[in-house]
PDB file of all heavy atoms in Angstrom:
ATOM      1  N   TYR A   1       2.067 -16.862 -18.105  1.00  0.00           N
ATOM      2  CA  TYR A   1       1.182 -17.082 -16.981  1.00  0.00           C
ATOM      3  C   TYR A   1       0.319 -18.297 -17.332  1.00  0.00           C
ATOM      4  O   TYR A   1      -0.620 -18.176 -18.137  1.00  0.00           O
ATOM      5  CB  TYR A   1       0.309 -15.860 -16.709  1.00  0.00           C
ATOM      6  CG  TYR A   1       1.096 -14.650 -16.259  1.00  0.00           C
ATOM      7  CD1 TYR A   1       1.425 -13.646 -17.152  1.00  0.00           C
ATOM      8  CD2 TYR A   1       1.520 -14.520 -14.938  1.00  0.00           C
ATOM      9  CE1 TYR A   1       2.156 -12.525 -16.748  1.00  0.00           C
ATOM     10  CE2 TYR A   1       2.248 -13.422 -14.518  1.00  0.00           C
ATOM     11  CZ  TYR A   1       2.555 -12.435 -15.410  1.00  0.00           C
ATOM     12  OH  TYR A   1       3.267 -11.323 -15.001  1.00  0.00           O
ATOM     13  N   GLY A   2       0.658 -19.445 -16.782  1.00  0.00           N
ATOM     14  CA  GLY A   2       0.025 -20.672 -17.239  1.00  0.00           C
ATOM     15  C   GLY A   2       0.424 -20.919 -18.672  1.00  0.00           C
ATOM     16  O   GLY A   2       1.592 -20.938 -19.015  1.00  0.00           O
ATOM     17  N   GLY A   3      -0.556 -21.083 -19.559  1.00  0.00           N
ATOM     18  CA  GLY A   3      -0.242 -21.280 -20.951  1.00  0.00           C
ATOM     19  C   GLY A   3      -0.327 -20.003 -21.769  1.00  0.00           C
ATOM     20  O   GLY A   3      -0.158 -20.035 -22.990  1.00  0.00           O
ATOM     21  N   LYS A   4      -0.523 -18.868 -21.101  1.00  0.00           N
ATOM     22  CA  LYS A   4      -0.664 -17.602 -21.799  1.00  0.00           C
ATOM     23  C   LYS A   4       0.663 -16.847 -21.813  1.00  0.00           C
ATOM     24  O   LYS A   4       1.230 -16.595 -20.772  1.00  0.00           O
ATOM     25  CB  LYS A   4      -1.763 -16.760 -21.154  1.00  0.00           C
ATOM     26  CG  LYS A   4      -2.032 -15.462 -21.889  1.00  0.00           C
ATOM     27  CD  LYS A   4      -3.165 -14.686 -21.244  1.00  0.00           C
ATOM     28  CE  LYS A   4      -3.429 -13.368 -21.981  1.00  0.00           C
ATOM     29  NZ  LYS A   4      -4.534 -12.587 -21.337  1.00  0.00           N
ATOM     30  N   ARG A   5       1.074 -16.437 -23.015  1.00  0.00           N
ATOM     31  CA  ARG A   5       2.330 -15.689 -23.122  1.00  0.00           C
ATOM     32  C   ARG A   5       2.073 -14.213 -22.896  1.00  0.00           C
ATOM     33  O   ARG A   5       1.248 -13.593 -23.569  1.00  0.00           O
ATOM     34  CB  ARG A   5       2.941 -15.880 -24.519  1.00  0.00           C
ATOM     35  CG  ARG A   5       4.232 -15.100 -24.751  1.00  0.00           C
ATOM     36  CD  ARG A   5       4.835 -15.447 -26.110  1.00  0.00           C
ATOM     37  NE  ARG A   5       3.946 -15.037 -27.196  1.00  0.00           N
ATOM     38  CZ  ARG A   5       3.983 -13.827 -27.783  1.00  0.00           C
ATOM     39  NH1 ARG A   5       4.860 -12.928 -27.384  1.00  0.00           N
ATOM     40  NH2 ARG A   5       3.165 -13.533 -28.744  1.00  0.00           N
ATOM     41  N   ALA A   6       2.745 -13.628 -21.929  1.00  0.00           N
ATOM     42  CA  ALA A   6       2.618 -12.200 -21.646  1.00  0.00           C
ATOM     43  C   ALA A   6       3.745 -11.382 -22.260  1.00  0.00           C
ATOM     44  O   ALA A   6       3.583 -10.219 -22.576  1.00  0.00           O
ATOM     45  CB  ALA A   6       2.599 -11.945 -20.129  1.00  0.00           C
ATOM     46  N   LEU A   7       4.894 -12.045 -22.470  1.00  0.00           N
ATOM     47  CA  LEU A   7       6.073 -11.335 -23.005  1.00  0.00           C
ATOM     48  C   LEU A   7       6.986 -12.317 -23.677  1.00  0.00           C
ATOM     49  O   LEU A   7       7.236 -13.428 -23.182  1.00  0.00           O
ATOM     50  CB  LEU A   7       6.827 -10.627 -21.862  1.00  0.00           C
ATOM     51  CG  LEU A   7       8.098  -9.866 -22.254  1.00  0.00           C
ATOM     52  CD1 LEU A   7       7.728  -8.612 -23.050  1.00  0.00           C
ATOM     53  CD2 LEU A   7       8.892  -9.492 -21.031  1.00  0.00           C
ATOM     54  N   GLY A   8       7.526 -11.866 -24.828  1.00  0.00           N
ATOM     55  CA  GLY A   8       8.674 -12.532 -25.428  1.00  0.00           C
ATOM     56  C   GLY A   8       8.366 -13.565 -26.489  1.00  0.00           C
ATOM     57  O   GLY A   8       7.213 -13.833 -26.813  1.00  0.00           O
ATOM     58  N   PRO A   9       9.536 -14.088 -26.965  1.00  0.00           N
ATOM     59  CA  PRO A   9      10.882 -13.729 -26.540  1.00  0.00           C
ATOM     60  C   PRO A   9      11.315 -12.380 -27.090  1.00  0.00           C
ATOM     61  O   PRO A   9      11.113 -12.094 -28.265  1.00  0.00           O
ATOM     62  CB  PRO A   9      11.737 -14.869 -27.102  1.00  0.00           C
ATOM     63  CG  PRO A   9      10.984 -15.352 -28.304  1.00  0.00           C
ATOM     64  CD  PRO A   9       9.534 -15.177 -27.984  1.00  0.00           C
ATOM     65  N   VAL A  10      11.913 -11.559 -26.232  1.00  0.00           N
ATOM     66  CA  VAL A  10      12.402 -10.234 -26.649  1.00  0.00           C
ATOM     67  C   VAL A  10      13.877 -10.106 -26.227  1.00  0.00           C
ATOM     68  O   VAL A  10      14.284 -10.618 -25.177  1.00  0.00           O
ATOM     69  CB  VAL A  10      11.604  -9.079 -26.052  1.00  0.00           C
ATOM     70  CG1 VAL A  10      10.178  -9.078 -26.569  1.00  0.00           C
ATOM     71  CG2 VAL A  10      11.602  -9.121 -24.527  1.00  0.00           C
ATOM     72  N   SER A  11      14.646  -9.401 -27.039  1.00  0.00           N
ATOM     73  CA  SER A  11      16.048  -9.151 -26.736  1.00  0.00           C
ATOM     74  C   SER A  11      16.321  -7.666 -26.984  1.00  0.00           C
ATOM     75  O   SER A  11      15.870  -7.101 -27.990  1.00  0.00           O
ATOM     76  CB  SER A  11      16.957  -9.996 -27.635  1.00  0.00           C
ATOM     77  OG  SER A  11      16.751 -11.379 -27.414  1.00  0.00           O
ATOM     78  N   PHE A  12      17.038  -7.043 -26.079  1.00  0.00           N
ATOM     79  CA  PHE A  12      17.382  -5.617 -26.257  1.00  0.00           C
ATOM     80  C   PHE A  12      18.538  -5.278 -25.316  1.00  0.00           C
ATOM     81  O   PHE A  12      18.855  -6.025 -24.353  1.00  0.00           O
ATOM     82  CB  PHE A  12      16.194  -4.713 -25.972  1.00  0.00           C
ATOM     83  CG  PHE A  12      15.563  -4.887 -24.625  1.00  0.00           C
ATOM     84  CD1 PHE A  12      16.053  -4.251 -23.491  1.00  0.00           C
ATOM     85  CD2 PHE A  12      14.458  -5.721 -24.466  1.00  0.00           C
ATOM     86  CE1 PHE A  12      15.481  -4.413 -22.253  1.00  0.00           C
ATOM     87  CE2 PHE A  12      13.880  -5.911 -23.207  1.00  0.00           C
ATOM     88  CZ  PHE A  12      14.391  -5.269 -22.104  1.00  0.00           C
ATOM     89  N   GLU A  13      19.187  -4.151 -25.605  1.00  0.00           N
ATOM     90  CA  GLU A  13      20.251  -3.640 -24.750  1.00  0.00           C
ATOM     91  C   GLU A  13      20.007  -2.168 -24.468  1.00  0.00           C
ATOM     92  O   GLU A  13      19.492  -1.432 -25.315  1.00  0.00           O
ATOM     93  CB  GLU A  13      21.624  -3.797 -25.439  1.00  0.00           C
ATOM     94  CG  GLU A  13      22.052  -5.254 -25.605  1.00  0.00           C
ATOM     95  CD  GLU A  13      23.480  -5.374 -26.137  1.00  0.00           C
ATOM     96  OE1 GLU A  13      24.174  -4.334 -26.207  1.00  0.00           O
ATOM     97  OE2 GLU A  13      23.892  -6.493 -26.475  1.00  0.00           O
ATOM     98  N   ILE A  14      20.349  -1.747 -23.245  1.00  0.00           N
ATOM     99  CA  ILE A  14      20.197  -0.353 -22.832  1.00  0.00           C
ATOM    100  C   ILE A  14      21.495   0.083 -22.189  1.00  0.00           C
ATOM    101  O   ILE A  14      22.033  -0.591 -21.292  1.00  0.00           O
ATOM    102  CB  ILE A  14      19.036  -0.211 -21.827  1.00  0.00           C
ATOM    103  CG1 ILE A  14      17.707  -0.602 -22.496  1.00  0.00           C
ATOM    104  CG2 ILE A  14      18.979   1.224 -21.296  1.00  0.00           C
ATOM    105  CD1 ILE A  14      16.525  -0.680 -21.545  1.00  0.00           C
ATOM    106  N   SER A  15      22.052   1.183 -22.677  1.00  0.00           N
ATOM    107  CA  SER A  15      23.346   1.663 -22.216  1.00  0.00           C
ATOM    108  C   SER A  15      23.217   2.534 -20.970  1.00  0.00           C
ATOM    109  O   SER A  15      22.152   3.083 -20.674  1.00  0.00           O
ATOM    110  CB  SER A  15      24.052   2.457 -23.332  1.00  0.00           C
ATOM    111  OG  SER A  15      24.236   1.686 -24.487  1.00  0.00           O
ATOM    112  N   ASP A  16      24.318   2.668 -20.247  1.00  0.00           N
ATOM    113  CA  ASP A  16      24.352   3.566 -19.075  1.00  0.00           C
ATOM    114  C   ASP A  16      23.975   4.982 -19.499  1.00  0.00           C
ATOM    115  O   ASP A  16      24.441   5.484 -20.509  1.00  0.00           O
ATOM    116  CB  ASP A  16      25.763   3.600 -18.478  1.00  0.00           C
ATOM    117  CG  ASP A  16      26.069   2.331 -17.695  1.00  0.00           C
ATOM    118  OD1 ASP A  16      25.145   1.640 -17.278  1.00  0.00           O
ATOM    119  OD2 ASP A  16      27.276   2.026 -17.541  1.00  0.00           O
ATOM    120  N   GLY A  17      23.144   5.624 -18.679  1.00  0.00           N
ATOM    121  CA  GLY A  17      22.797   7.018 -18.911  1.00  0.00           C
ATOM    122  C   GLY A  17      21.665   7.249 -19.897  1.00  0.00           C
ATOM    123  O   GLY A  17      21.231   8.385 -20.073  1.00  0.00           O
ATOM    124  N   GLU A  18      21.164   6.198 -20.543  1.00  0.00           N
ATOM    125  CA  GLU A  18      20.037   6.359 -21.488  1.00  0.00           C
ATOM    126  C   GLU A  18      18.723   6.526 -20.733  1.00  0.00           C
ATOM    127  O   GLU A  18      18.551   6.042 -19.600  1.00  0.00           O
ATOM    128  CB  GLU A  18      19.929   5.137 -22.393  1.00  0.00           C
ATOM    129  CG  GLU A  18      20.800   5.156 -23.614  1.00  0.00           C
ATOM    130  CD  GLU A  18      20.349   4.117 -24.622  1.00  0.00           C
ATOM    131  OE1 GLU A  18      20.384   2.907 -24.310  1.00  0.00           O
ATOM    132  OE2 GLU A  18      19.981   4.496 -25.744  1.00  0.00           O
ATOM    133  N   THR A  19      17.803   7.228 -21.383  1.00  0.00           N
ATOM    134  CA  THR A  19      16.417   7.257 -20.923  1.00  0.00           C
ATOM    135  C   THR A  19      15.578   6.601 -22.005  1.00  0.00           C
ATOM    136  O   THR A  19      15.496   7.104 -23.118  1.00  0.00           O
ATOM    137  CB  THR A  19      15.943   8.713 -20.685  1.00  0.00           C
ATOM    138  OG1 THR A  19      16.759   9.327 -19.675  1.00  0.00           O
ATOM    139  CG2 THR A  19      14.497   8.748 -20.212  1.00  0.00           C
ATOM    140  N   VAL A  20      14.973   5.479 -21.673  1.00  0.00           N
ATOM    141  CA  VAL A  20      14.312   4.646 -22.647  1.00  0.00           C
ATOM    142  C   VAL A  20      12.828   4.500 -22.301  1.00  0.00           C
ATOM    143  O   VAL A  20      12.476   4.247 -21.143  1.00  0.00           O
ATOM    144  CB  VAL A  20      14.964   3.248 -22.735  1.00  0.00           C
ATOM    145  CG1 VAL A  20      14.205   2.344 -23.722  1.00  0.00           C
ATOM    146  CG2 VAL A  20      16.429   3.356 -23.142  1.00  0.00           C
ATOM    147  N   GLY A  21      11.970   4.706 -23.300  1.00  0.00           N
ATOM    148  CA  GLY A  21      10.543   4.583 -23.103  1.00  0.00           C
ATOM    149  C   GLY A  21      10.006   3.257 -23.610  1.00  0.00           C
ATOM    150  O   GLY A  21      10.374   2.823 -24.702  1.00  0.00           O
ATOM    151  N   PHE A  22       9.160   2.620 -22.823  1.00  0.00           N
ATOM    152  CA  PHE A  22       8.481   1.387 -23.236  1.00  0.00           C
ATOM    153  C   PHE A  22       7.064   1.764 -23.639  1.00  0.00           C
ATOM    154  O   PHE A  22       6.263   2.253 -22.819  1.00  0.00           O
ATOM    155  CB  PHE A  22       8.456   0.373 -22.097  1.00  0.00           C
ATOM    156  CG  PHE A  22       9.743  -0.353 -21.876  1.00  0.00           C
ATOM    157  CD1 PHE A  22      10.867   0.323 -21.416  1.00  0.00           C
ATOM    158  CD2 PHE A  22       9.859  -1.701 -22.158  1.00  0.00           C
ATOM    159  CE1 PHE A  22      12.065  -0.336 -21.189  1.00  0.00           C
ATOM    160  CE2 PHE A  22      11.074  -2.366 -21.949  1.00  0.00           C
ATOM    161  CZ  PHE A  22      12.162  -1.678 -21.457  1.00  0.00           C
ATOM    162  N   LEU A  23       6.740   1.547 -24.917  1.00  0.00           N
ATOM    163  CA  LEU A  23       5.437   1.890 -25.451  1.00  0.00           C
ATOM    164  C   LEU A  23       4.651   0.641 -25.809  1.00  0.00           C
ATOM    165  O   LEU A  23       5.225  -0.361 -26.227  1.00  0.00           O
ATOM    166  CB  LEU A  23       5.575   2.760 -26.704  1.00  0.00           C
ATOM    167  CG  LEU A  23       6.071   4.196 -26.535  1.00  0.00           C
ATOM    168  CD1 LEU A  23       6.237   4.837 -27.889  1.00  0.00           C
ATOM    169  CD2 LEU A  23       5.108   4.987 -25.676  1.00  0.00           C
ATOM    170  N   GLY A  24       3.332   0.696 -25.691  1.00  0.00           N
ATOM    171  CA  GLY A  24       2.502  -0.418 -26.088  1.00  0.00           C
ATOM    172  C   GLY A  24       1.095  -0.235 -25.605  1.00  0.00           C
ATOM    173  O   GLY A  24       0.835   0.477 -24.628  1.00  0.00           O
ATOM    174  N   LEU A  25       0.151  -0.915 -26.257  1.00  0.00           N
ATOM    175  CA  LEU A  25      -1.234  -0.893 -25.825  1.00  0.00           C
ATOM    176  C   LEU A  25      -1.371  -1.663 -24.523  1.00  0.00           C
ATOM    177  O   LEU A  25      -0.443  -2.340 -24.078  1.00  0.00           O
ATOM    178  CB  LEU A  25      -2.123  -1.507 -26.911  1.00  0.00           C
ATOM    179  CG  LEU A  25      -2.075  -0.843 -28.294  1.00  0.00           C
ATOM    180  CD1 LEU A  25      -2.917  -1.654 -29.278  1.00  0.00           C
ATOM    181  CD2 LEU A  25      -2.585   0.578 -28.236  1.00  0.00           C
ATOM    182  N   ASN A  26      -2.538  -1.552 -23.900  1.00  0.00           N
ATOM    183  CA  ASN A  26      -2.787  -2.357 -22.686  1.00  0.00           C
ATOM    184  C   ASN A  26      -2.613  -3.833 -22.996  1.00  0.00           C
ATOM    185  O   ASN A  26      -3.141  -4.340 -24.013  1.00  0.00           O
ATOM    186  CB  ASN A  26      -4.205  -2.104 -22.181  1.00  0.00           C
ATOM    187  CG  ASN A  26      -4.371  -0.715 -21.585  1.00  0.00           C
ATOM    188  OD1 ASN A  26      -3.400  -0.149 -21.043  1.00  0.00           O
ATOM    189  ND2 ASN A  26      -5.569  -0.161 -21.654  1.00  0.00           N
ATOM    190  N   GLY A  27      -1.874  -4.525 -22.148  1.00  0.00           N
ATOM    191  CA  GLY A  27      -1.643  -5.948 -22.378  1.00  0.00           C
ATOM    192  C   GLY A  27      -0.518  -6.266 -23.304  1.00  0.00           C
ATOM    193  O   GLY A  27      -0.293  -7.422 -23.647  1.00  0.00           O
ATOM    194  N   ALA A  28       0.259  -5.249 -23.700  1.00  0.00           N
ATOM    195  CA  ALA A  28       1.338  -5.463 -24.644  1.00  0.00           C
ATOM    196  C   ALA A  28       2.567  -6.092 -24.008  1.00  0.00           C
ATOM    197  O   ALA A  28       3.440  -6.613 -24.695  1.00  0.00           O
ATOM    198  CB  ALA A  28       1.732  -4.134 -25.316  1.00  0.00           C
ATOM    199  N   GLY A  29       2.688  -6.015 -22.679  1.00  0.00           N
ATOM    200  CA  GLY A  29       3.811  -6.617 -21.980  1.00  0.00           C
ATOM    201  C   GLY A  29       4.747  -5.599 -21.351  1.00  0.00           C
ATOM    202  O   GLY A  29       5.796  -5.973 -20.825  1.00  0.00           O
ATOM    203  N   LYS A  30       4.371  -4.309 -21.346  1.00  0.00           N
ATOM    204  CA  LYS A  30       5.258  -3.252 -20.804  1.00  0.00           C
ATOM    205  C   LYS A  30       5.513  -3.456 -19.319  1.00  0.00           C
ATOM    206  O   LYS A  30       6.670  -3.500 -18.890  1.00  0.00           O
ATOM    207  CB  LYS A  30       4.635  -1.875 -21.010  1.00  0.00           C
ATOM    208  CG  LYS A  30       4.276  -1.530 -22.423  1.00  0.00           C
ATOM    209  CD  LYS A  30       3.813  -0.093 -22.542  1.00  0.00           C
ATOM    210  CE  LYS A  30       2.684   0.277 -21.625  1.00  0.00           C
ATOM    211  NZ  LYS A  30       1.447  -0.523 -21.866  1.00  0.00           N
ATOM    212  N   THR A  31       4.434  -3.593 -18.541  1.00  0.00           N
ATOM    213  CA  THR A  31       4.608  -3.723 -17.099  1.00  0.00           C
ATOM    214  C   THR A  31       5.309  -5.017 -16.751  1.00  0.00           C
ATOM    215  O   THR A  31       6.151  -5.069 -15.836  1.00  0.00           O
ATOM    216  CB  THR A  31       3.236  -3.671 -16.409  1.00  0.00           C
ATOM    217  OG1 THR A  31       2.691  -2.339 -16.547  1.00  0.00           O
ATOM    218  CG2 THR A  31       3.344  -3.974 -14.935  1.00  0.00           C
ATOM    219  N   THR A  32       5.017  -6.084 -17.483  1.00  0.00           N
ATOM    220  CA  THR A  32       5.719  -7.358 -17.249  1.00  0.00           C
ATOM    221  C   THR A  32       7.212  -7.210 -17.468  1.00  0.00           C
ATOM    222  O   THR A  32       8.018  -7.661 -16.664  1.00  0.00           O
ATOM    223  CB  THR A  32       5.156  -8.442 -18.203  1.00  0.00           C
ATOM    224  OG1 THR A  32       3.775  -8.657 -17.909  1.00  0.00           O
ATOM    225  CG2 THR A  32       5.907  -9.759 -18.018  1.00  0.00           C
ATOM    226  N   ALA A  33       7.588  -6.537 -18.556  1.00  0.00           N
ATOM    227  CA  ALA A  33       9.017  -6.305 -18.842  1.00  0.00           C
ATOM    228  C   ALA A  33       9.672  -5.483 -17.729  1.00  0.00           C
ATOM    229  O   ALA A  33      10.765  -5.813 -17.267  1.00  0.00           O
ATOM    230  CB  ALA A  33       9.172  -5.604 -20.183  1.00  0.00           C
ATOM    231  N   LEU A  34       9.009  -4.428 -17.279  1.00  0.00           N
ATOM    232  CA  LEU A  34       9.582  -3.568 -16.250  1.00  0.00           C
ATOM    233  C   LEU A  34       9.700  -4.317 -14.909  1.00  0.00           C
ATOM    234  O   LEU A  34      10.687  -4.148 -14.176  1.00  0.00           O
ATOM    235  CB  LEU A  34       8.765  -2.305 -16.082  1.00  0.00           C
ATOM    236  CG  LEU A  34       8.733  -1.334 -17.258  1.00  0.00           C
ATOM    237  CD1 LEU A  34       7.970  -0.073 -16.903  1.00  0.00           C
ATOM    238  CD2 LEU A  34      10.150  -0.999 -17.723  1.00  0.00           C
ATOM    239  N   ARG A  35       8.703  -5.136 -14.590  1.00  0.00           N
ATOM    240  CA  ARG A  35       8.750  -5.886 -13.326  1.00  0.00           C
ATOM    241  C   ARG A  35       9.892  -6.906 -13.344  1.00  0.00           C
ATOM    242  O   ARG A  35      10.539  -7.154 -12.315  1.00  0.00           O
ATOM    243  CB  ARG A  35       7.419  -6.574 -13.074  1.00  0.00           C
ATOM    244  CG  ARG A  35       6.287  -5.644 -12.685  1.00  0.00           C
ATOM    245  CD  ARG A  35       5.033  -6.422 -12.374  1.00  0.00           C
ATOM    246  NE  ARG A  35       5.226  -7.301 -11.200  1.00  0.00           N
ATOM    247  CZ  ARG A  35       4.381  -8.263 -10.857  1.00  0.00           C
ATOM    248  NH1 ARG A  35       3.288  -8.486 -11.579  1.00  0.00           N
ATOM    249  NH2 ARG A  35       4.631  -9.012  -9.788  1.00  0.00           N
ATOM    250  N   ILE A  36      10.153  -7.490 -14.513  1.00  0.00           N
ATOM    251  CA  ILE A  36      11.293  -8.424 -14.632  1.00  0.00           C
ATOM    252  C   ILE A  36      12.597  -7.676 -14.431  1.00  0.00           C
ATOM    253  O   ILE A  36      13.504  -8.117 -13.728  1.00  0.00           O
ATOM    254  CB  ILE A  36      11.249  -9.151 -15.975  1.00  0.00           C
ATOM    255  CG1 ILE A  36      10.076 -10.140 -16.033  1.00  0.00           C
ATOM    256  CG2 ILE A  36      12.560  -9.900 -16.232  1.00  0.00           C
ATOM    257  CD1 ILE A  36       9.871 -10.788 -17.389  1.00  0.00           C
ATOM    258  N   LEU A  37      12.713  -6.499 -15.060  1.00  0.00           N
ATOM    259  CA  LEU A  37      13.927  -5.703 -14.940  1.00  0.00           C
ATOM    260  C   LEU A  37      14.145  -5.217 -13.496  1.00  0.00           C
ATOM    261  O   LEU A  37      15.288  -5.048 -13.067  1.00  0.00           O
ATOM    262  CB  LEU A  37      13.862  -4.496 -15.887  1.00  0.00           C
ATOM    263  CG  LEU A  37      13.917  -4.814 -17.379  1.00  0.00           C
ATOM    264  CD1 LEU A  37      13.630  -3.579 -18.210  1.00  0.00           C
ATOM    265  CD2 LEU A  37      15.302  -5.365 -17.748  1.00  0.00           C
ATOM    266  N   ALA A  38      13.056  -5.003 -12.774  1.00  0.00           N
ATOM    267  CA  ALA A  38      13.143  -4.568 -11.377  1.00  0.00           C
ATOM    268  C   ALA A  38      13.341  -5.751 -10.424  1.00  0.00           C
ATOM    269  O   ALA A  38      13.425  -5.550  -9.213  1.00  0.00           O
ATOM    270  CB  ALA A  38      11.901  -3.797 -11.001  1.00  0.00           C
ATOM    271  N   CYS A  39      13.434  -6.971 -10.970  1.00  0.00           N
ATOM    272  CA  CYS A  39      13.515  -8.171 -10.137  1.00  0.00           C
ATOM    273  C   CYS A  39      12.314  -8.352  -9.225  1.00  0.00           C
ATOM    274  O   CYS A  39      12.425  -8.908  -8.139  1.00  0.00           O
ATOM    275  CB  CYS A  39      14.821  -8.204  -9.339  1.00  0.00           C
ATOM    276  SG  CYS A  39      16.301  -8.372 -10.376  1.00  0.00           S
ATOM    277  N   ASP A  40      11.187  -7.856  -9.659  1.00  0.00           N
ATOM    278  CA  ASP A  40       9.926  -8.032  -8.960  1.00  0.00           C
ATOM    279  C   ASP A  40       9.191  -9.243  -9.490  1.00  0.00           C
ATOM    280  O   ASP A  40       8.221  -9.718  -8.890  1.00  0.00           O
ATOM    281  CB  ASP A  40       9.067  -6.769  -9.107  1.00  0.00           C
ATOM    282  CG  ASP A  40       7.778  -6.788  -8.299  1.00  0.00           C
ATOM    283  OD1 ASP A  40       7.877  -7.137  -7.104  1.00  0.00           O
ATOM    284  OD2 ASP A  40       6.723  -6.499  -8.864  1.00  0.00           O
ATOM    285  N   LEU A  41       9.647  -9.740 -10.637  1.00  0.00           N
ATOM    286  CA  LEU A  41       9.011 -10.866 -11.323  1.00  0.00           C
ATOM    287  C   LEU A  41      10.096 -11.692 -11.984  1.00  0.00           C
ATOM    288  O   LEU A  41      11.032 -11.152 -12.575  1.00  0.00           O
ATOM    289  CB  LEU A  41       8.023 -10.349 -12.363  1.00  0.00           C
ATOM    290  CG  LEU A  41       7.056 -11.331 -13.021  1.00  0.00           C
ATOM    291  CD1 LEU A  41       6.091 -11.877 -11.974  1.00  0.00           C
ATOM    292  CD2 LEU A  41       6.292 -10.643 -14.131  1.00  0.00           C
ATOM    293  N   ARG A  42      10.010 -12.995 -11.862  1.00  0.00           N
ATOM    294  CA  ARG A  42      11.004 -13.890 -12.454  1.00  0.00           C
ATOM    295  C   ARG A  42      10.574 -14.286 -13.860  1.00  0.00           C
ATOM    296  O   ARG A  42       9.419 -14.679 -14.077  1.00  0.00           O
ATOM    297  CB  ARG A  42      11.172 -15.136 -11.578  1.00  0.00           C
ATOM    298  CG  ARG A  42      12.323 -16.049 -11.996  1.00  0.00           C
ATOM    299  CD  ARG A  42      12.387 -17.257 -11.068  1.00  0.00           C
ATOM    300  NE  ARG A  42      13.480 -18.142 -11.427  1.00  0.00           N
ATOM    301  CZ  ARG A  42      14.723 -18.021 -10.987  1.00  0.00           C
ATOM    302  NH1 ARG A  42      15.005 -17.052 -10.134  1.00  0.00           N
ATOM    303  NH2 ARG A  42      15.656 -18.869 -11.360  1.00  0.00           N
TER     304      ARG A  42
END
């Protein structure tokens, strides 16, 4: 966001049928990661 890094670089894989939890303190990048996965954020 501007010059501030909110996420990354991160790499991971999630298989079909898995239930995966994203953990982190406030501002850790959890919501940003989920919004990107939901195509709500580029």
